[in-house]
Amino acid sequence: MPNPAPHLKTPALELLRETYDTTRLLQRVDSLDEVRHSVDDPGGLRNDLLRLHAMAHTLINGGPLSVASSPTMLGDLAMEISMEVERLVALLEEIRRGVEPLETLASEDETSGSSTGAAHEEPRDPTGSRRVGQ
């Protein structure tokens, strides 16, 4: 297949054509929707953090009681929030791993000016694994 964008790194594009399944990106959109739902849902993470703050403010700072609070309830809610954040981080990492192979198509000018340092990382194959010996 001819290269529709000759300014792209041809070897990288050819490698992606052979190994990268673009449906992975659609699956990452589903992951992002799951993250968004968890964060935006009225009973979701934001609400839980506000409840946790209210409990902590009451128990730790002696603030007025605005939600039922006990050290056990606060600890249980904190644990639930931590587990949810870990789940969301895993989903975001999954998104990053799905997009990362496409970074090989970035021009040298774009990657050298990156503040993330991606241009200085070890090369990766399209699955996201680091390439050894390059």
Protein backbone atom coordinates (compact mmCIF):
# COMPACT_ATOMS: atom_id res chain seq x y z
CA MET A 1 0.00 0.00 0.00
CA PRO A 2 1.46 3.42 -0.88
CA ASN A 3 2.29 5.77 1.96
CA PRO A 4 -0.59 8.31 2.07
CA ALA A 5 1.55 10.68 4.17
CA PRO A 6 5.16 10.59 2.94
CA HIS A 7 6.38 12.80 5.81
CA LEU A 8 5.65 9.94 8.24
CA LYS A 9 8.44 7.56 9.14
CA THR A 10 7.89 4.82 6.59
CA PRO A 11 9.53 1.96 8.56
CA ALA A 12 7.44 2.81 11.62
CA LEU A 13 4.29 3.02 9.54
CA GLU A 14 5.02 -0.32 7.89
CA LEU A 15 5.63 -1.94 11.28
CA LEU A 16 2.31 -0.60 12.56
CA ARG A 17 0.51 -1.82 9.45
CA GLU A 18 1.83 -5.30 10.14
CA THR A 19 1.23 -5.38 13.89
CA TYR A 20 -1.22 -2.75 15.13
CA ASP A 21 -4.96 -3.41 15.28
CA THR A 22 -6.79 -0.09 15.12
CA THR A 23 -9.83 -1.58 16.86
CA ARG A 24 -7.70 -1.30 20.01
CA LEU A 25 -8.36 2.43 19.85
CA LEU A 26 -12.11 1.88 19.88
CA GLN A 27 -11.71 -0.37 22.91
CA ARG A 28 -9.75 2.44 24.60
CA VAL A 29 -12.68 4.78 23.95
CA ASP A 30 -14.85 2.31 25.86
CA SER A 31 -12.30 2.38 28.70
CA LEU A 32 -12.36 6.17 28.72
CA ASP A 33 -16.16 6.14 28.83
CA GLU A 34 -15.94 3.88 31.88
CA VAL A 35 -13.53 6.30 33.58
CA ARG A 36 -15.69 9.27 32.68
CA HIS A 37 -18.82 7.57 33.99
CA SER A 38 -17.15 6.69 37.28
CA VAL A 39 -15.91 10.22 37.77
CA ASP A 40 -18.97 12.10 36.46
CA ASP A 41 -21.70 9.88 37.87
CA PRO A 42 -23.71 11.71 40.57
CA GLY A 43 -22.99 8.85 42.97
CA GLY A 44 -19.44 8.42 41.71
CA LEU A 45 -15.94 9.25 42.80
CA ARG A 46 -16.46 13.00 43.16
CA ASN A 47 -19.41 12.46 45.47
CA ASP A 48 -17.48 9.86 47.46
CA LEU A 49 -14.54 12.25 47.90
CA LEU A 50 -16.88 14.98 49.13
CA ARG A 51 -18.45 12.55 51.62
CA LEU A 52 -14.98 11.45 52.75
CA HIS A 53 -14.00 15.07 53.29
CA ALA A 54 -17.14 15.72 55.31
CA MET A 55 -16.44 12.69 57.49
CA ALA A 56 -12.76 13.57 57.94
CA HIS A 57 -13.60 17.21 58.68
CA THR A 58 -16.02 16.11 61.40
CA LEU A 59 -13.81 13.44 62.98
CA ILE A 60 -10.40 15.07 62.57
CA ASN A 61 -11.10 18.80 62.67
CA GLY A 62 -14.14 18.71 64.94
CA GLY A 63 -16.24 20.24 62.18
CA PRO A 64 -20.03 20.15 62.21
CA LEU A 65 -21.69 16.81 61.51
CA SER A 66 -22.96 16.89 57.93
CA VAL A 67 -22.92 13.15 57.19
CA ALA A 68 -22.96 10.14 59.46
CA SER A 69 -19.37 9.55 60.53
CA SER A 70 -17.35 7.08 62.48
CA PRO A 71 -13.70 6.11 62.18
CA THR A 72 -14.74 2.75 60.69
CA MET A 73 -17.06 4.36 58.14
CA LEU A 74 -14.35 6.85 57.18
CA GLY A 75 -11.77 4.06 56.80
CA ASP A 76 -14.11 1.88 54.75
CA LEU A 77 -14.99 4.75 52.42
CA ALA A 78 -11.32 5.71 52.07
CA MET A 79 -10.53 2.10 51.12
CA GLU A 80 -13.36 2.02 48.56
CA ILE A 81 -12.11 5.27 47.03
CA SER A 82 -8.54 4.01 46.88
CA MET A 83 -9.64 0.82 45.14
CA GLU A 84 -11.73 2.77 42.63
CA VAL A 85 -8.84 5.14 41.91
CA GLU A 86 -6.55 2.14 41.35
CA ARG A 87 -9.09 0.68 38.91
CA LEU A 88 -9.34 3.99 37.04
CA VAL A 89 -5.57 4.35 36.89
CA ALA A 90 -5.37 0.85 35.39
CA LEU A 91 -7.92 1.84 32.74
CA LEU A 92 -5.98 5.03 31.95
CA GLU A 93 -2.76 3.02 31.70
CA GLU A 94 -4.54 0.69 29.27
CA ILE A 95 -5.47 3.72 27.16
CA ARG A 96 -1.88 4.98 27.25
CA ARG A 97 -0.52 1.58 26.21
CA GLY A 98 -2.99 1.46 23.32
CA VAL A 99 -2.01 4.89 22.01
CA GLU A 100 1.71 4.70 22.71
CA PRO A 101 2.69 2.58 19.67
CA LEU A 102 1.33 5.33 17.41
CA GLU A 103 3.85 7.76 18.88
CA THR A 104 6.44 6.15 16.63
CA LEU A 105 4.88 8.16 13.80
CA ALA A 106 5.62 11.53 15.41
CA SER A 107 8.11 13.66 13.53
CA GLU A 108 11.53 14.18 15.06
CA ASP A 109 10.72 17.88 15.56
CA GLU A 110 7.62 17.06 17.57
CA THR A 111 9.24 14.40 19.75
CA SER A 112 12.41 16.36 20.49
CA GLY A 113 10.37 19.29 21.79
CA SER A 114 8.18 17.11 23.97
CA SER A 115 8.12 17.99 27.64
CA THR A 116 7.23 14.42 28.55
CA GLY A 117 10.61 13.08 27.56
CA ALA A 118 9.05 10.47 25.28
CA ALA A 119 11.73 11.10 22.65
CA HIS A 120 14.38 9.95 25.11
CA GLU A 121 12.69 6.72 26.16
CA GLU A 122 13.75 3.33 24.92
CA PRO A 123 12.05 2.29 21.65
CA ARG A 124 8.91 0.20 21.97
CA ASP A 125 7.32 -2.28 19.63
CA PRO A 126 3.64 -1.74 18.69
CA THR A 127 2.47 -3.84 21.62
CA GLY A 128 4.02 -1.29 24.00
CA SER A 129 6.88 -3.54 25.13
CA ARG A 130 10.34 -2.07 25.25
CA ARG A 131 12.59 -3.22 22.42
CA VAL A 132 15.76 -4.84 23.60
CA GLY A 133 19.12 -4.05 22.02
CA GLN A 134 18.15 -0.96 20.05
